[in-house]
Every structure is written in C-alpha cells, then in structure tokens.
Amino acid sequence: MNKILATTVASLAFIGAAYAAEVQGTVQSVDPATRSITLDDGKTYVIPETIKVDGLAAGAKVKVTVDDTTGAVTAIEAAS
C-alpha cells in the first residue's frame, strides 16, 4: 500500500512540473501600466499582481516561469 501511495505522489509531482515552462532572456522593455515585460526574443509577458515588477529594468537577465496550460506567468527571477 505504501509503495502504491509513494508511486502516485511521485507521478503527480512530475505531472505538475511538466506543465511549467521556463524562458530565459534579457528584458528589452518594462511597462508598469500594463504590468508587462518584453524579452529580447520579442515575446511579451503579463506579470500578475502577485509578482513584484518594481526591480525589473531593461537589460536585466531574467528567468520567467509560465504555466503551459494557461500561459500565465507564475514566477520571475533573476537569471545568471
């Protein structure tokens, strides 16, 4: 029974992780009015209210995590 439960939990963890994409790039522009950023690949991402955009500026290298099923940004952080 414990083996089945452990396998199920592990499978669910992998399924959840499969729906998140990470995009790295350099910020080309930030629009605080629309809470959006545009990366050097030309793609624009709208940042939800739950994520702070105060420290974002053009030229910053970032990693954006996007939910594959909804296209919503779930996290943004500095990239190395």
PDB file of N, CA and C in Angstrom:
ATOM      1  N   MET A   1       0.825  -1.195   0.000  1.00  0.00           N
ATOM      2  CA  MET A   1       0.000   0.000   0.000  1.00  0.00           C
ATOM      3  C   MET A   1       0.866   1.254   0.000  1.00  0.00           C
ATOM      4  N   ASN A   2       1.912   1.273   0.844  1.00  0.00           N
ATOM      5  CA  ASN A   2       2.797   2.426   0.893  1.00  0.00           C
ATOM      6  C   ASN A   2       3.518   2.642  -0.424  1.00  0.00           C
ATOM      7  N   LYS A   3       3.857   1.530  -1.095  1.00  0.00           N
ATOM      8  CA  LYS A   3       4.549   1.624  -2.379  1.00  0.00           C
ATOM      9  C   LYS A   3       3.650   2.268  -3.431  1.00  0.00           C
ATOM     10  N   ILE A   4       2.384   1.907  -3.438  1.00  0.00           N
ATOM     11  CA  ILE A   4       1.425   2.485  -4.386  1.00  0.00           C
ATOM     12  C   ILE A   4       1.235   3.969  -4.108  1.00  0.00           C
ATOM     13  N   LEU A   5       1.101   4.328  -2.853  1.00  0.00           N
ATOM     14  CA  LEU A   5       0.931   5.728  -2.476  1.00  0.00           C
ATOM     15  C   LEU A   5       2.150   6.552  -2.870  1.00  0.00           C
ATOM     16  N   ALA A   6       3.333   6.035  -2.617  1.00  0.00           N
ATOM     17  CA  ALA A   6       4.561   6.749  -2.964  1.00  0.00           C
ATOM     18  C   ALA A   6       4.686   6.937  -4.474  1.00  0.00           C
ATOM     19  N   THR A   7       4.336   5.910  -5.234  1.00  0.00           N
ATOM     20  CA  THR A   7       4.383   5.998  -6.688  1.00  0.00           C
ATOM     21  C   THR A   7       3.391   7.026  -7.210  1.00  0.00           C
ATOM     22  N   THR A   8       2.207   7.049  -6.640  1.00  0.00           N
ATOM     23  CA  THR A   8       1.185   8.008  -7.053  1.00  0.00           C
ATOM     24  C   THR A   8       1.631   9.437  -6.769  1.00  0.00           C
ATOM     25  N   VAL A   9       2.154   9.683  -5.591  1.00  0.00           N
ATOM     26  CA  VAL A   9       2.617  11.031  -5.228  1.00  0.00           C
ATOM     27  C   VAL A   9       3.747  11.470  -6.145  1.00  0.00           C
ATOM     28  N   ALA A  10       4.687  10.594  -6.420  1.00  0.00           N
ATOM     29  CA  ALA A  10       5.804  10.922  -7.306  1.00  0.00           C
ATOM     30  C   ALA A  10       5.307  11.227  -8.711  1.00  0.00           C
ATOM     31  N   SER A  11       4.350  10.452  -9.189  1.00  0.00           N
ATOM     32  CA  SER A  11       3.790  10.679 -10.523  1.00  0.00           C
ATOM     33  C   SER A  11       3.095  12.029 -10.605  1.00  0.00           C
ATOM     34  N   LEU A  12       2.343  12.371  -9.594  1.00  0.00           N
ATOM     35  CA  LEU A  12       1.645  13.658  -9.586  1.00  0.00           C
ATOM     36  C   LEU A  12       2.630  14.818  -9.555  1.00  0.00           C
ATOM     37  N   ALA A  13       3.729  14.668  -8.865  1.00  0.00           N
ATOM     38  CA  ALA A  13       4.748  15.716  -8.825  1.00  0.00           C
ATOM     39  C   ALA A  13       5.334  15.950 -10.212  1.00  0.00           C
ATOM     40  N   PHE A  14       5.606  14.865 -10.931  1.00  0.00           N
ATOM     41  CA  PHE A  14       6.139  15.006 -12.276  1.00  0.00           C
ATOM     42  C   PHE A  14       5.118  15.593 -13.233  1.00  0.00           C
ATOM     43  N   ILE A  15       3.873  15.240 -13.096  1.00  0.00           N
ATOM     44  CA  ILE A  15       2.822  15.794 -13.954  1.00  0.00           C
ATOM     45  C   ILE A  15       2.713  17.296 -13.736  1.00  0.00           C
ATOM     46  N   GLY A  16       2.743  17.736 -12.490  1.00  0.00           N
ATOM     47  CA  GLY A  16       2.671  19.167 -12.190  1.00  0.00           C
ATOM     48  C   GLY A  16       3.842  19.920 -12.773  1.00  0.00           C
ATOM     49  N   ALA A  17       5.013  19.356 -12.708  1.00  0.00           N
ATOM     50  CA  ALA A  17       6.208  20.006 -13.229  1.00  0.00           C
ATOM     51  C   ALA A  17       6.201  20.052 -14.755  1.00  0.00           C
ATOM     52  N   ALA A  18       5.526  19.123 -15.381  1.00  0.00           N
ATOM     53  CA  ALA A  18       5.511  19.076 -16.831  1.00  0.00           C
ATOM     54  C   ALA A  18       4.733  20.230 -17.446  1.00  0.00           C
ATOM     55  N   TYR A  19       3.905  20.890 -16.689  1.00  0.00           N
ATOM     56  CA  TYR A  19       3.090  21.972 -17.218  1.00  0.00           C
ATOM     57  C   TYR A  19       3.706  23.347 -17.010  1.00  0.00           C
ATOM     58  N   ALA A  20       4.955  23.423 -16.609  1.00  0.00           N
ATOM     59  CA  ALA A  20       5.621  24.701 -16.405  1.00  0.00           C
ATOM     60  C   ALA A  20       6.801  24.808 -17.360  1.00  0.00           C
ATOM     61  N   ALA A  21       6.856  25.922 -18.063  1.00  0.00           N
ATOM     62  CA  ALA A  21       7.974  26.178 -18.969  1.00  0.00           C
ATOM     63  C   ALA A  21       8.795  27.326 -18.409  1.00  0.00           C
ATOM     64  N   GLU A  22      10.093  27.233 -18.564  1.00  0.00           N
ATOM     65  CA  GLU A  22      10.977  28.312 -18.135  1.00  0.00           C
ATOM     66  C   GLU A  22      11.588  28.960 -19.361  1.00  0.00           C
ATOM     67  N   VAL A  23      11.513  30.280 -19.400  1.00  0.00           N
ATOM     68  CA  VAL A  23      12.062  31.051 -20.500  1.00  0.00           C
ATOM     69  C   VAL A  23      13.095  31.997 -19.921  1.00  0.00           C
ATOM     70  N   GLN A  24      14.291  31.998 -20.487  1.00  0.00           N
ATOM     71  CA  GLN A  24      15.323  32.929 -20.041  1.00  0.00           C
ATOM     72  C   GLN A  24      15.582  33.942 -21.127  1.00  0.00           C
ATOM     73  N   GLY A  25      15.862  35.165 -20.712  1.00  0.00           N
ATOM     74  CA  GLY A  25      16.163  36.198 -21.679  1.00  0.00           C
ATOM     75  C   GLY A  25      16.532  37.496 -21.004  1.00  0.00           C
ATOM     76  N   THR A  26      16.788  38.492 -21.830  1.00  0.00           N
ATOM     77  CA  THR A  26      17.123  39.832 -21.353  1.00  0.00           C
ATOM     78  C   THR A  26      15.919  40.729 -21.557  1.00  0.00           C
ATOM     79  N   VAL A  27      15.566  41.477 -20.539  1.00  0.00           N
ATOM     80  CA  VAL A  27      14.418  42.380 -20.610  1.00  0.00           C
ATOM     81  C   VAL A  27      14.749  43.517 -21.575  1.00  0.00           C
ATOM     82  N   GLN A  28      13.907  43.693 -22.572  1.00  0.00           N
ATOM     83  CA  GLN A  28      14.058  44.797 -23.520  1.00  0.00           C
ATOM     84  C   GLN A  28      13.273  46.015 -23.070  1.00  0.00           C
ATOM     85  N   SER A  29      12.075  45.762 -22.492  1.00  0.00           N
ATOM     86  CA  SER A  29      11.262  46.880 -22.004  1.00  0.00           C
ATOM     87  C   SER A  29      10.332  46.403 -20.901  1.00  0.00           C
ATOM     88  N   VAL A  30       9.963  47.355 -20.058  1.00  0.00           N
ATOM     89  CA  VAL A  30       9.034  47.104 -18.955  1.00  0.00           C
ATOM     90  C   VAL A  30       7.950  48.152 -19.044  1.00  0.00           C
ATOM     91  N   ASP A  31       6.684  47.732 -18.980  1.00  0.00           N
ATOM     92  CA  ASP A  31       5.554  48.661 -18.977  1.00  0.00           C
ATOM     93  C   ASP A  31       4.801  48.480 -17.667  1.00  0.00           C
ATOM     94  N   PRO A  32       5.070  49.361 -16.674  1.00  0.00           N
ATOM     95  CA  PRO A  32       4.409  49.218 -15.377  1.00  0.00           C
ATOM     96  C   PRO A  32       2.892  49.392 -15.455  1.00  0.00           C
ATOM     97  N   ALA A  33       2.414  50.171 -16.416  1.00  0.00           N
ATOM     98  CA  ALA A  33       0.976  50.412 -16.543  1.00  0.00           C
ATOM     99  C   ALA A  33       0.219  49.128 -16.885  1.00  0.00           C
ATOM    100  N   THR A  34       0.798  48.316 -17.759  1.00  0.00           N
ATOM    101  CA  THR A  34       0.136  47.066 -18.155  1.00  0.00           C
ATOM    102  C   THR A  34       0.740  45.868 -17.451  1.00  0.00           C
ATOM    103  N   ARG A  35       1.757  46.112 -16.606  1.00  0.00           N
ATOM    104  CA  ARG A  35       2.465  45.067 -15.882  1.00  0.00           C
ATOM    105  C   ARG A  35       3.005  44.019 -16.851  1.00  0.00           C
ATOM    106  N   SER A  36       3.623  44.484 -17.931  1.00  0.00           N
ATOM    107  CA  SER A  36       4.167  43.560 -18.919  1.00  0.00           C
ATOM    108  C   SER A  36       5.650  43.831 -19.149  1.00  0.00           C
ATOM    109  N   ILE A  37       6.347  42.769 -19.537  1.00  0.00           N
ATOM    110  CA  ILE A  37       7.741  42.889 -19.926  1.00  0.00           C
ATOM    111  C   ILE A  37       7.904  42.256 -21.300  1.00  0.00           C
ATOM    112  N   THR A  38       8.842  42.786 -22.063  1.00  0.00           N
ATOM    113  CA  THR A  38       9.181  42.215 -23.358  1.00  0.00           C
ATOM    114  C   THR A  38      10.628  41.764 -23.289  1.00  0.00           C
ATOM    115  N   LEU A  39      10.865  40.520 -23.694  1.00  0.00           N
ATOM    116  CA  LEU A  39      12.213  39.965 -23.676  1.00  0.00           C
ATOM    117  C   LEU A  39      12.881  40.154 -25.030  1.00  0.00           C
ATOM    118  N   ASP A  40      14.168  39.848 -25.078  1.00  0.00           N
ATOM    119  CA  ASP A  40      14.943  40.041 -26.296  1.00  0.00           C
ATOM    120  C   ASP A  40      14.509  39.142 -27.449  1.00  0.00           C
ATOM    121  N   ASP A  41      13.687  38.128 -27.179  1.00  0.00           N
ATOM    122  CA  ASP A  41      13.166  37.282 -28.258  1.00  0.00           C
ATOM    123  C   ASP A  41      11.891  37.864 -28.867  1.00  0.00           C
ATOM    124  N   GLY A  42      11.448  39.022 -28.329  1.00  0.00           N
ATOM    125  CA  GLY A  42      10.262  39.694 -28.849  1.00  0.00           C
ATOM    126  C   GLY A  42       8.969  39.310 -28.170  1.00  0.00           C
ATOM    127  N   LYS A  43       8.997  38.306 -27.301  1.00  0.00           N
ATOM    128  CA  LYS A  43       7.779  37.871 -26.616  1.00  0.00           C
ATOM    129  C   LYS A  43       7.487  38.775 -25.427  1.00  0.00           C
ATOM    130  N   THR A  44       6.206  39.053 -25.237  1.00  0.00           N
ATOM    131  CA  THR A  44       5.748  39.900 -24.139  1.00  0.00           C
ATOM    132  C   THR A  44       5.001  39.042 -23.137  1.00  0.00           C
ATOM    133  N   TYR A  45       5.277  39.257 -21.872  1.00  0.00           N
ATOM    134  CA  TYR A  45       4.640  38.509 -20.793  1.00  0.00           C
ATOM    135  C   TYR A  45       3.968  39.488 -19.843  1.00  0.00           C
ATOM    136  N   VAL A  46       2.720  39.182 -19.482  1.00  0.00           N
ATOM    137  CA  VAL A  46       1.996  39.984 -18.498  1.00  0.00           C
ATOM    138  C   VAL A  46       2.262  39.370 -17.127  1.00  0.00           C
ATOM    139  N   ILE A  47       2.733  40.202 -16.213  1.00  0.00           N
ATOM    140  CA  ILE A  47       3.096  39.744 -14.873  1.00  0.00           C
ATOM    141  C   ILE A  47       1.904  39.945 -13.943  1.00  0.00           C
ATOM    142  N   PRO A  48       1.448  38.908 -13.257  1.00  0.00           N
ATOM    143  CA  PRO A  48       0.299  39.041 -12.355  1.00  0.00           C
ATOM    144  C   PRO A  48       0.606  39.935 -11.151  1.00  0.00           C
ATOM    145  N   GLU A  49      -0.440  40.427 -10.522  1.00  0.00           N
ATOM    146  CA  GLU A  49      -0.318  41.315  -9.360  1.00  0.00           C
ATOM    147  C   GLU A  49       0.463  40.682  -8.217  1.00  0.00           C
ATOM    148  N   THR A  50       0.480  39.371  -8.138  1.00  0.00           N
ATOM    149  CA  THR A  50       1.144  38.680  -7.027  1.00  0.00           C
ATOM    150  C   THR A  50       2.669  38.705  -7.145  1.00  0.00           C
ATOM    151  N   ILE A  51       3.189  39.111  -8.303  1.00  0.00           N
ATOM    152  CA  ILE A  51       4.631  39.154  -8.527  1.00  0.00           C
ATOM    153  C   ILE A  51       5.061  40.608  -8.662  1.00  0.00           C
ATOM    154  N   LYS A  52       6.090  41.012  -7.909  1.00  0.00           N
ATOM    155  CA  LYS A  52       6.570  42.389  -7.952  1.00  0.00           C
ATOM    156  C   LYS A  52       7.368  42.641  -9.228  1.00  0.00           C
ATOM    157  N   VAL A  53       7.131  43.800  -9.849  1.00  0.00           N
ATOM    158  CA  VAL A  53       7.872  44.186 -11.044  1.00  0.00           C
ATOM    159  C   VAL A  53       8.704  45.441 -10.798  1.00  0.00           C
ATOM    160  N   ASP A  54       8.736  45.918  -9.561  1.00  0.00           N
ATOM    161  CA  ASP A  54       9.438  47.155  -9.235  1.00  0.00           C
ATOM    162  C   ASP A  54      10.918  47.109  -9.609  1.00  0.00           C
ATOM    163  N   GLY A  55      11.575  45.999  -9.396  1.00  0.00           N
ATOM    164  CA  GLY A  55      13.009  45.906  -9.639  1.00  0.00           C
ATOM    165  C   GLY A  55      13.382  45.559 -11.067  1.00  0.00           C
ATOM    166  N   LEU A  56      12.412  45.333 -11.925  1.00  0.00           N
ATOM    167  CA  LEU A  56      12.714  44.959 -13.304  1.00  0.00           C
ATOM    168  C   LEU A  56      13.060  46.191 -14.134  1.00  0.00           C
ATOM    169  N   ALA A  57      14.114  46.058 -14.939  1.00  0.00           N
ATOM    170  CA  ALA A  57      14.527  47.151 -15.811  1.00  0.00           C
ATOM    171  C   ALA A  57      15.110  46.559 -17.093  1.00  0.00           C
ATOM    172  N   ALA A  58      15.100  47.368 -18.144  1.00  0.00           N
ATOM    173  CA  ALA A  58      15.681  46.926 -19.407  1.00  0.00           C
ATOM    174  C   ALA A  58      17.135  46.532 -19.177  1.00  0.00           C
ATOM    175  N   GLY A  59      17.541  45.431 -19.780  1.00  0.00           N
ATOM    176  CA  GLY A  59      18.895  44.933 -19.651  1.00  0.00           C
ATOM    177  C   GLY A  59      19.054  43.844 -18.602  1.00  0.00           C
ATOM    178  N   ALA A  60      18.054  43.678 -17.749  1.00  0.00           N
ATOM    179  CA  ALA A  60      18.129  42.644 -16.706  1.00  0.00           C
ATOM    180  C   ALA A  60      17.943  41.270 -17.335  1.00  0.00           C
ATOM    181  N   LYS A  61      18.734  40.310 -16.872  1.00  0.00           N
ATOM    182  CA  LYS A  61      18.579  38.923 -17.324  1.00  0.00           C
ATOM    183  C   LYS A  61      17.628  38.243 -16.353  1.00  0.00           C
ATOM    184  N   VAL A  62      16.575  37.623 -16.915  1.00  0.00           N
ATOM    185  CA  VAL A  62      15.537  37.027 -16.085  1.00  0.00           C
ATOM    186  C   VAL A  62      15.199  35.619 -16.552  1.00  0.00           C
ATOM    187  N   LYS A  63      14.582  34.874 -15.625  1.00  0.00           N
ATOM    188  CA  LYS A  63      14.008  33.565 -15.934  1.00  0.00           C
ATOM    189  C   LYS A  63      12.527  33.676 -15.611  1.00  0.00           C
ATOM    190  N   VAL A  64      11.683  33.471 -16.600  1.00  0.00           N
ATOM    191  CA  VAL A  64      10.236  33.568 -16.448  1.00  0.00           C
ATOM    192  C   VAL A  64       9.657  32.163 -16.483  1.00  0.00           C
ATOM    193  N   THR A  65       8.862  31.823 -15.472  1.00  0.00           N
ATOM    194  CA  THR A  65       8.186  30.530 -15.444  1.00  0.00           C
ATOM    195  C   THR A  65       6.749  30.749 -15.875  1.00  0.00           C
ATOM    196  N   VAL A  66       6.320  29.982 -16.871  1.00  0.00           N
ATOM    197  CA  VAL A  66       4.997  30.139 -17.462  1.00  0.00           C
ATOM    198  C   VAL A  66       4.243  28.825 -17.367  1.00  0.00           C
ATOM    199  N   ASP A  67       2.981  28.886 -16.961  1.00  0.00           N
ATOM    200  CA  ASP A  67       2.113  27.712 -16.918  1.00  0.00           C
ATOM    201  C   ASP A  67       1.729  27.375 -18.357  1.00  0.00           C
ATOM    202  N   ASP A  68       2.126  26.201 -18.822  1.00  0.00           N
ATOM    203  CA  ASP A  68       1.865  25.796 -20.204  1.00  0.00           C
ATOM    204  C   ASP A  68       0.381  25.698 -20.532  1.00  0.00           C
ATOM    205  N   THR A  69      -0.428  25.367 -19.557  1.00  0.00           N
ATOM    206  CA  THR A  69      -1.843  25.171 -19.848  1.00  0.00           C
ATOM    207  C   THR A  69      -2.601  26.490 -19.965  1.00  0.00           C
ATOM    208  N   THR A  70      -2.192  27.499 -19.197  1.00  0.00           N
ATOM    209  CA  THR A  70      -2.916  28.774 -19.210  1.00  0.00           C
ATOM    210  C   THR A  70      -2.126  29.910 -19.847  1.00  0.00           C
ATOM    211  N   GLY A  71      -0.822  29.748 -19.952  1.00  0.00           N
ATOM    212  CA  GLY A  71       0.019  30.812 -20.476  1.00  0.00           C
ATOM    213  C   GLY A  71       0.320  31.893 -19.446  1.00  0.00           C
ATOM    214  N   ALA A  72      -0.117  31.702 -18.219  1.00  0.00           N
ATOM    215  CA  ALA A  72       0.078  32.691 -17.163  1.00  0.00           C
ATOM    216  C   ALA A  72       1.480  32.593 -16.581  1.00  0.00           C
ATOM    217  N   VAL A  73       2.058  33.751 -16.282  1.00  0.00           N
ATOM    218  CA  VAL A  73       3.356  33.797 -15.622  1.00  0.00           C
ATOM    219  C   VAL A  73       3.150  33.415 -14.173  1.00  0.00           C
ATOM    220  N   THR A  74       3.938  32.452 -13.693  1.00  0.00           N
ATOM    221  CA  THR A  74       3.814  32.022 -12.300  1.00  0.00           C
ATOM    222  C   THR A  74       4.988  32.473 -11.443  1.00  0.00           C
ATOM    223  N   ALA A  75       6.115  32.836 -12.094  1.00  0.00           N
ATOM    224  CA  ALA A  75       7.280  33.316 -11.347  1.00  0.00           C
ATOM    225  C   ALA A  75       8.215  34.047 -12.301  1.00  0.00           C
ATOM    226  N   ILE A  76       8.961  34.974 -11.728  1.00  0.00           N
ATOM    227  CA  ILE A  76      10.019  35.647 -12.480  1.00  0.00           C
ATOM    228  C   ILE A  76      11.156  35.904 -11.509  1.00  0.00           C
ATOM    229  N   GLU A  77      12.366  35.588 -11.948  1.00  0.00           N
ATOM    230  CA  GLU A  77      13.526  35.773 -11.081  1.00  0.00           C
ATOM    231  C   GLU A  77      14.742  36.128 -11.908  1.00  0.00           C
ATOM    232  N   ALA A  78      15.752  36.639 -11.231  1.00  0.00           N
ATOM    233  CA  ALA A  78      16.999  36.984 -11.910  1.00  0.00           C
ATOM    234  C   ALA A  78      17.668  35.727 -12.416  1.00  0.00           C
ATOM    235  N   ALA A  79      18.228  35.820 -13.612  1.00  0.00           N
ATOM    236  CA  ALA A  79      18.954  34.685 -14.208  1.00  0.00           C
ATOM    237  C   ALA A  79      20.435  35.019 -14.196  1.00  0.00           C
ATOM    238  N   SER A  80      21.237  33.989 -14.207  1.00  0.00           N
ATOM    239  CA  SER A  80      22.689  34.213 -14.207  1.00  0.00           C
ATOM    240  C   SER A  80      23.246  34.269 -15.609  1.00  0.00           C
TER     241      SER A  80
END
